[in-house]
Every structure is written in structure tokens, then in C-alpha cells.
Amino acid sequence: VAYELQWAMLIIPLLAIANIGYLLWARSRVPHVELRSHIHWQLATLAILALIAVTGLGLLGLAFAGVNTDAPLSIAATFLLYGIGAVIIPWFFYRVIFGTYRFRRQLPMHRVWL
């Protein structure tokens, strides 16, 4: 269910809240270490997404804070915002595709980083 929610987050981003709630509920109820590793993988994915969203909103606020658009801070914030936007979508696809693949093959997510 959690991987399906992550796929649906591509269409409806607010499903991330439902996904976090489901993962926190399921974490204590899953007896198998292999399945629990997938829950930790998904929670880490959502935590990194939340951190990036907060950072992106902060950069967006800096980029459009009414400062001179030629100011170095505004230019740096804009480039960082574009950079984050360009990297986050392929990274999210990697996390969901790789996790779904390993889940379907009943492989744990230990020793898999990033």
C-alpha cells in the first residue's frame, strides 16, 4: 500500500501525509525485518522530500522577497531552486522504482544507501 501511495503522490502530493501516517502505523505491526527495511526506506524518502520542500520554499522566499533581482542572494537562490527541481524528480523516481522492484522480489533494503 505504501508504494502505491508513493506512486500516487506524483499526481496528488498531499498523499504524502497519508503515506507517512500509514508507514508510522505499519512500522510497529510488521514482524519481518525484510518488510520493516522497506518501511524505513520509504520513511527516509519522505523525510528527505520534506526537508527539500522546506528548503525549496525558503529559497523561493529568498528569490522573490522583493530584493533586487540582480542581487547575488536572489540569483543564488534562484539557481539553487532550479537545481533542486531538476534533481528531485529523477531521485524520487529512483527511490520508488528501486524500492518497488526490491519489494516485489521480496528483497530487503539493507545495505542500500542514498
N, C-alpha and C. Protein backbone atom coordinates (compact mmCIF):
# COMPACT_ATOMS: atom_id res chain seq x y z
N VAL A 1 0.83 -1.20 0.00
CA VAL A 1 0.00 0.00 0.00
C VAL A 1 0.87 1.25 0.00
N ALA A 2 1.96 1.22 0.74
CA ALA A 2 2.79 2.42 0.86
C ALA A 2 3.45 2.77 -0.46
N TYR A 3 3.90 1.78 -1.22
CA TYR A 3 4.49 2.09 -2.52
C TYR A 3 3.44 2.62 -3.47
N GLU A 4 2.22 2.10 -3.39
CA GLU A 4 1.15 2.63 -4.23
C GLU A 4 0.84 4.08 -3.87
N LEU A 5 0.89 4.40 -2.58
CA LEU A 5 0.70 5.79 -2.17
C LEU A 5 1.83 6.68 -2.69
N GLN A 6 3.05 6.15 -2.69
CA GLN A 6 4.15 6.97 -3.21
C GLN A 6 4.00 7.20 -4.71
N TRP A 7 3.55 6.21 -5.45
CA TRP A 7 3.30 6.43 -6.87
C TRP A 7 2.19 7.45 -7.07
N ALA A 8 1.16 7.38 -6.25
CA ALA A 8 0.04 8.32 -6.37
C ALA A 8 0.45 9.74 -5.97
N MET A 9 1.51 9.86 -5.16
CA MET A 9 1.99 11.19 -4.77
C MET A 9 2.46 12.01 -5.97
N LEU A 10 2.79 11.33 -7.05
CA LEU A 10 3.19 12.07 -8.26
C LEU A 10 2.03 12.89 -8.81
N ILE A 11 0.81 12.40 -8.59
CA ILE A 11 -0.37 13.10 -9.08
C ILE A 11 -0.95 14.01 -7.99
N ILE A 12 -1.02 13.49 -6.77
CA ILE A 12 -1.60 14.23 -5.65
C ILE A 12 -0.55 14.29 -4.53
N PRO A 13 0.26 15.36 -4.48
CA PRO A 13 1.33 15.43 -3.48
C PRO A 13 0.86 15.38 -2.03
N LEU A 14 -0.37 15.77 -1.76
CA LEU A 14 -0.86 15.74 -0.38
C LEU A 14 -1.02 14.31 0.16
N LEU A 15 -0.95 13.33 -0.71
CA LEU A 15 -0.99 11.94 -0.25
C LEU A 15 0.24 11.58 0.58
N ALA A 16 1.25 12.44 0.57
CA ALA A 16 2.44 12.20 1.40
C ALA A 16 2.05 12.15 2.87
N ILE A 17 1.07 12.93 3.27
CA ILE A 17 0.62 12.92 4.67
C ILE A 17 -0.02 11.58 5.00
N ALA A 18 -0.86 11.08 4.11
CA ALA A 18 -1.48 9.78 4.33
C ALA A 18 -0.42 8.68 4.32
N ASN A 19 0.58 8.81 3.46
CA ASN A 19 1.64 7.82 3.39
C ASN A 19 2.46 7.79 4.68
N ILE A 20 2.79 8.94 5.22
CA ILE A 20 3.53 9.00 6.48
C ILE A 20 2.72 8.36 7.59
N GLY A 21 1.44 8.69 7.66
CA GLY A 21 0.58 8.10 8.68
C GLY A 21 0.50 6.59 8.56
N TYR A 22 0.35 6.11 7.34
CA TYR A 22 0.28 4.65 7.13
C TYR A 22 1.60 3.98 7.51
N LEU A 23 2.71 4.56 7.11
CA LEU A 23 4.01 3.96 7.42
C LEU A 23 4.29 3.95 8.91
N LEU A 24 3.93 5.01 9.60
CA LEU A 24 4.13 5.03 11.06
C LEU A 24 3.23 4.02 11.74
N TRP A 25 2.02 3.85 11.24
CA TRP A 25 1.10 2.85 11.80
C TRP A 25 1.63 1.44 11.53
N ALA A 26 2.09 1.19 10.31
CA ALA A 26 2.51 -0.15 9.91
C ALA A 26 3.87 -0.53 10.49
N ARG A 27 4.70 0.45 10.82
CA ARG A 27 6.05 0.16 11.29
C ARG A 27 6.06 -0.73 12.53
N SER A 28 5.16 -0.49 13.44
CA SER A 28 5.14 -1.29 14.67
C SER A 28 4.41 -2.62 14.50
N ARG A 29 3.72 -2.80 13.40
CA ARG A 29 2.92 -4.01 13.19
C ARG A 29 3.57 -5.01 12.23
N VAL A 30 4.70 -4.67 11.66
CA VAL A 30 5.35 -5.55 10.69
C VAL A 30 6.39 -6.39 11.42
N PRO A 31 6.20 -7.71 11.45
CA PRO A 31 7.14 -8.56 12.19
C PRO A 31 8.41 -8.91 11.41
N HIS A 32 8.38 -8.85 10.10
CA HIS A 32 9.50 -9.29 9.28
C HIS A 32 10.51 -8.17 9.07
N VAL A 33 11.76 -8.47 9.27
CA VAL A 33 12.82 -7.48 9.12
C VAL A 33 12.91 -6.99 7.68
N GLU A 34 12.67 -7.89 6.73
CA GLU A 34 12.74 -7.50 5.32
C GLU A 34 11.70 -6.43 4.98
N LEU A 35 10.49 -6.64 5.47
CA LEU A 35 9.44 -5.64 5.22
C LEU A 35 9.68 -4.36 5.99
N ARG A 36 10.19 -4.48 7.20
CA ARG A 36 10.47 -3.29 8.01
C ARG A 36 11.54 -2.44 7.34
N SER A 37 12.49 -3.06 6.63
CA SER A 37 13.52 -2.29 5.94
C SER A 37 12.90 -1.44 4.83
N HIS A 38 11.85 -1.92 4.19
CA HIS A 38 11.16 -1.13 3.18
C HIS A 38 10.44 0.06 3.82
N ILE A 39 9.89 -0.15 4.99
CA ILE A 39 9.21 0.95 5.68
C ILE A 39 10.22 2.04 6.04
N HIS A 40 11.39 1.65 6.52
CA HIS A 40 12.42 2.64 6.84
C HIS A 40 12.90 3.36 5.58
N TRP A 41 13.02 2.62 4.48
CA TRP A 41 13.41 3.22 3.19
C TRP A 41 12.39 4.28 2.77
N GLN A 42 11.11 3.96 2.90
CA GLN A 42 10.07 4.90 2.50
C GLN A 42 10.00 6.09 3.44
N LEU A 43 10.15 5.85 4.73
CA LEU A 43 10.16 6.97 5.68
C LEU A 43 11.34 7.89 5.42
N ALA A 44 12.49 7.32 5.09
CA ALA A 44 13.66 8.16 4.77
C ALA A 44 13.39 8.97 3.51
N THR A 45 12.77 8.35 2.51
CA THR A 45 12.43 9.07 1.28
C THR A 45 11.51 10.25 1.58
N LEU A 46 10.49 10.02 2.38
CA LEU A 46 9.55 11.10 2.70
C LEU A 46 10.20 12.17 3.57
N ALA A 47 11.09 11.78 4.48
CA ALA A 47 11.78 12.77 5.31
C ALA A 47 12.68 13.66 4.45
N ILE A 48 13.39 13.06 3.51
CA ILE A 48 14.25 13.85 2.62
C ILE A 48 13.40 14.75 1.73
N LEU A 49 12.27 14.25 1.25
CA LEU A 49 11.37 15.09 0.46
C LEU A 49 10.86 16.28 1.26
N ALA A 50 10.52 16.05 2.52
CA ALA A 50 10.04 17.14 3.37
C ALA A 50 11.14 18.18 3.60
N LEU A 51 12.35 17.71 3.83
CA LEU A 51 13.48 18.63 4.01
C LEU A 51 13.73 19.45 2.75
N ILE A 52 13.66 18.80 1.61
CA ILE A 52 13.87 19.51 0.35
C ILE A 52 12.73 20.48 0.08
N ALA A 53 11.50 20.11 0.43
CA ALA A 53 10.37 21.02 0.23
C ALA A 53 10.51 22.27 1.09
N VAL A 54 10.92 22.11 2.33
CA VAL A 54 11.11 23.27 3.22
C VAL A 54 12.25 24.13 2.70
N THR A 55 13.35 23.50 2.27
CA THR A 55 14.47 24.25 1.70
C THR A 55 14.04 24.99 0.44
N GLY A 56 13.29 24.31 -0.42
CA GLY A 56 12.82 24.94 -1.65
C GLY A 56 11.91 26.12 -1.38
N LEU A 57 11.02 25.99 -0.40
CA LEU A 57 10.15 27.12 -0.06
C LEU A 57 10.96 28.29 0.50
N GLY A 58 11.97 27.97 1.29
CA GLY A 58 12.84 29.03 1.81
C GLY A 58 13.59 29.74 0.70
N LEU A 59 14.11 28.97 -0.25
CA LEU A 59 14.80 29.56 -1.39
C LEU A 59 13.85 30.37 -2.27
N LEU A 60 12.63 29.87 -2.42
CA LEU A 60 11.64 30.61 -3.19
C LEU A 60 11.32 31.94 -2.52
N GLY A 61 11.23 31.91 -1.20
CA GLY A 61 11.01 33.16 -0.46
C GLY A 61 12.16 34.13 -0.63
N LEU A 62 13.39 33.61 -0.65
CA LEU A 62 14.55 34.48 -0.86
C LEU A 62 14.58 35.03 -2.28
N ALA A 63 14.22 34.19 -3.24
CA ALA A 63 14.29 34.62 -4.64
C ALA A 63 13.26 35.70 -4.95
N PHE A 64 12.11 35.66 -4.27
CA PHE A 64 11.04 36.62 -4.56
C PHE A 64 10.71 37.50 -3.36
N ALA A 65 11.69 37.80 -2.55
CA ALA A 65 11.43 38.56 -1.32
C ALA A 65 11.40 40.07 -1.56
N GLY A 66 11.34 40.48 -2.76
CA GLY A 66 11.29 41.91 -3.04
C GLY A 66 12.66 42.55 -3.10
N VAL A 67 13.70 41.72 -3.01
CA VAL A 67 15.05 42.26 -3.14
C VAL A 67 15.35 42.50 -4.60
N ASN A 68 16.39 43.21 -4.85
CA ASN A 68 16.81 43.47 -6.21
C ASN A 68 17.09 42.13 -6.90
N THR A 69 16.52 41.91 -8.06
CA THR A 69 16.70 40.63 -8.74
C THR A 69 18.11 40.44 -9.25
N ASP A 70 18.90 41.50 -9.27
CA ASP A 70 20.30 41.38 -9.65
C ASP A 70 21.20 41.11 -8.45
N ALA A 71 20.61 41.05 -7.27
CA ALA A 71 21.40 40.80 -6.07
C ALA A 71 21.93 39.37 -6.08
N PRO A 72 23.15 39.15 -5.61
CA PRO A 72 23.73 37.80 -5.62
C PRO A 72 22.89 36.78 -4.84
N LEU A 73 22.29 37.21 -3.75
CA LEU A 73 21.47 36.29 -2.96
C LEU A 73 20.26 35.82 -3.76
N SER A 74 19.62 36.71 -4.46
CA SER A 74 18.46 36.34 -5.28
C SER A 74 18.86 35.43 -6.43
N ILE A 75 19.99 35.71 -7.06
CA ILE A 75 20.46 34.88 -8.17
C ILE A 75 20.83 33.49 -7.67
N ALA A 76 21.56 33.42 -6.55
CA ALA A 76 21.96 32.11 -6.00
C ALA A 76 20.74 31.30 -5.58
N ALA A 77 19.77 31.95 -4.95
CA ALA A 77 18.57 31.24 -4.52
C ALA A 77 17.80 30.70 -5.72
N THR A 78 17.73 31.48 -6.78
CA THR A 78 17.03 31.03 -7.98
C THR A 78 17.72 29.83 -8.62
N PHE A 79 19.05 29.89 -8.74
CA PHE A 79 19.78 28.76 -9.32
C PHE A 79 19.68 27.51 -8.45
N LEU A 80 19.75 27.67 -7.14
CA LEU A 80 19.60 26.52 -6.24
C LEU A 80 18.21 25.92 -6.36
N LEU A 81 17.21 26.77 -6.47
CA LEU A 81 15.83 26.29 -6.61
C LEU A 81 15.66 25.49 -7.91
N TYR A 82 16.22 26.00 -9.00
CA TYR A 82 16.17 25.24 -10.26
C TYR A 82 16.95 23.94 -10.15
N GLY A 83 18.09 23.97 -9.51
CA GLY A 83 18.90 22.77 -9.33
C GLY A 83 18.18 21.71 -8.53
N ILE A 84 17.55 22.13 -7.44
CA ILE A 84 16.79 21.18 -6.62
C ILE A 84 15.64 20.60 -7.44
N GLY A 85 14.96 21.44 -8.18
CA GLY A 85 13.84 20.97 -9.00
C GLY A 85 14.28 19.98 -10.07
N ALA A 86 15.48 20.17 -10.62
CA ALA A 86 15.97 19.28 -11.67
C ALA A 86 16.42 17.94 -11.11
N VAL A 87 16.88 17.91 -9.87
CA VAL A 87 17.43 16.68 -9.29
C VAL A 87 16.37 15.87 -8.55
N ILE A 88 15.40 16.52 -7.95
CA ILE A 88 14.48 15.82 -7.05
C ILE A 88 13.58 14.83 -7.79
N ILE A 89 13.13 15.14 -8.98
CA ILE A 89 12.21 14.25 -9.68
C ILE A 89 12.89 12.94 -10.10
N PRO A 90 14.08 12.97 -10.72
CA PRO A 90 14.74 11.68 -11.01
C PRO A 90 15.11 10.91 -9.74
N TRP A 91 15.51 11.62 -8.68
CA TRP A 91 15.85 10.96 -7.42
C TRP A 91 14.62 10.26 -6.85
N PHE A 92 13.47 10.93 -6.87
CA PHE A 92 12.25 10.33 -6.34
C PHE A 92 11.86 9.09 -7.16
N PHE A 93 11.96 9.18 -8.49
CA PHE A 93 11.67 8.02 -9.33
C PHE A 93 12.60 6.86 -9.00
N TYR A 94 13.88 7.17 -8.81
CA TYR A 94 14.83 6.11 -8.43
C TYR A 94 14.40 5.44 -7.14
N ARG A 95 14.06 6.25 -6.14
CA ARG A 95 13.69 5.68 -4.83
C ARG A 95 12.45 4.80 -4.94
N VAL A 96 11.45 5.24 -5.66
CA VAL A 96 10.20 4.48 -5.75
C VAL A 96 10.36 3.25 -6.65
N ILE A 97 11.03 3.41 -7.79
CA ILE A 97 11.21 2.26 -8.69
C ILE A 97 12.09 1.20 -8.04
N PHE A 98 13.21 1.60 -7.46
CA PHE A 98 14.11 0.65 -6.84
C PHE A 98 13.46 -0.04 -5.64
N GLY A 99 12.74 0.72 -4.82
CA GLY A 99 12.04 0.11 -3.69
C GLY A 99 10.95 -0.85 -4.11
N THR A 100 10.18 -0.46 -5.12
CA THR A 100 9.12 -1.34 -5.62
C THR A 100 9.72 -2.61 -6.21
N TYR A 101 10.80 -2.46 -6.95
CA TYR A 101 11.46 -3.62 -7.55
C TYR A 101 11.93 -4.60 -6.47
N ARG A 102 12.60 -4.08 -5.46
CA ARG A 102 13.10 -4.96 -4.40
C ARG A 102 11.96 -5.54 -3.57
N PHE A 103 10.90 -4.80 -3.39
CA PHE A 103 9.75 -5.30 -2.64
C PHE A 103 9.08 -6.45 -3.40
N ARG A 104 8.90 -6.28 -4.70
CA ARG A 104 8.26 -7.33 -5.50
C ARG A 104 9.10 -8.61 -5.55
N ARG A 105 10.41 -8.45 -5.47
CA ARG A 105 11.31 -9.61 -5.45
C ARG A 105 11.53 -10.13 -4.03
N GLN A 106 10.88 -9.52 -3.05
CA GLN A 106 10.97 -9.87 -1.64
C GLN A 106 12.40 -9.78 -1.13
N LEU A 107 13.10 -8.74 -1.56
CA LEU A 107 14.47 -8.47 -1.11
C LEU A 107 14.45 -7.33 -0.11
N PRO A 108 15.26 -7.40 0.94
CA PRO A 108 15.29 -6.30 1.92
C PRO A 108 16.03 -5.08 1.36
N MET A 109 15.88 -3.98 2.03
CA MET A 109 16.53 -2.75 1.61
C MET A 109 17.80 -2.47 2.42
N HIS A 110 18.30 -3.41 3.24
CA HIS A 110 19.53 -3.15 4.00
C HIS A 110 20.69 -2.95 3.03
N ARG A 111 21.66 -2.29 3.55
CA ARG A 111 22.89 -2.04 2.82
C ARG A 111 22.67 -1.30 1.51
N VAL A 112 21.55 -0.69 1.37
CA VAL A 112 21.25 0.11 0.18
C VAL A 112 21.12 1.54 0.66
N TRP A 113 22.00 2.40 0.19
CA TRP A 113 22.02 3.78 0.66
C TRP A 113 21.63 4.73 -0.44
N LEU A 114 21.43 5.96 -0.07
CA LEU A 114 21.11 7.11 -0.92
C LEU A 114 19.68 7.46 -0.84
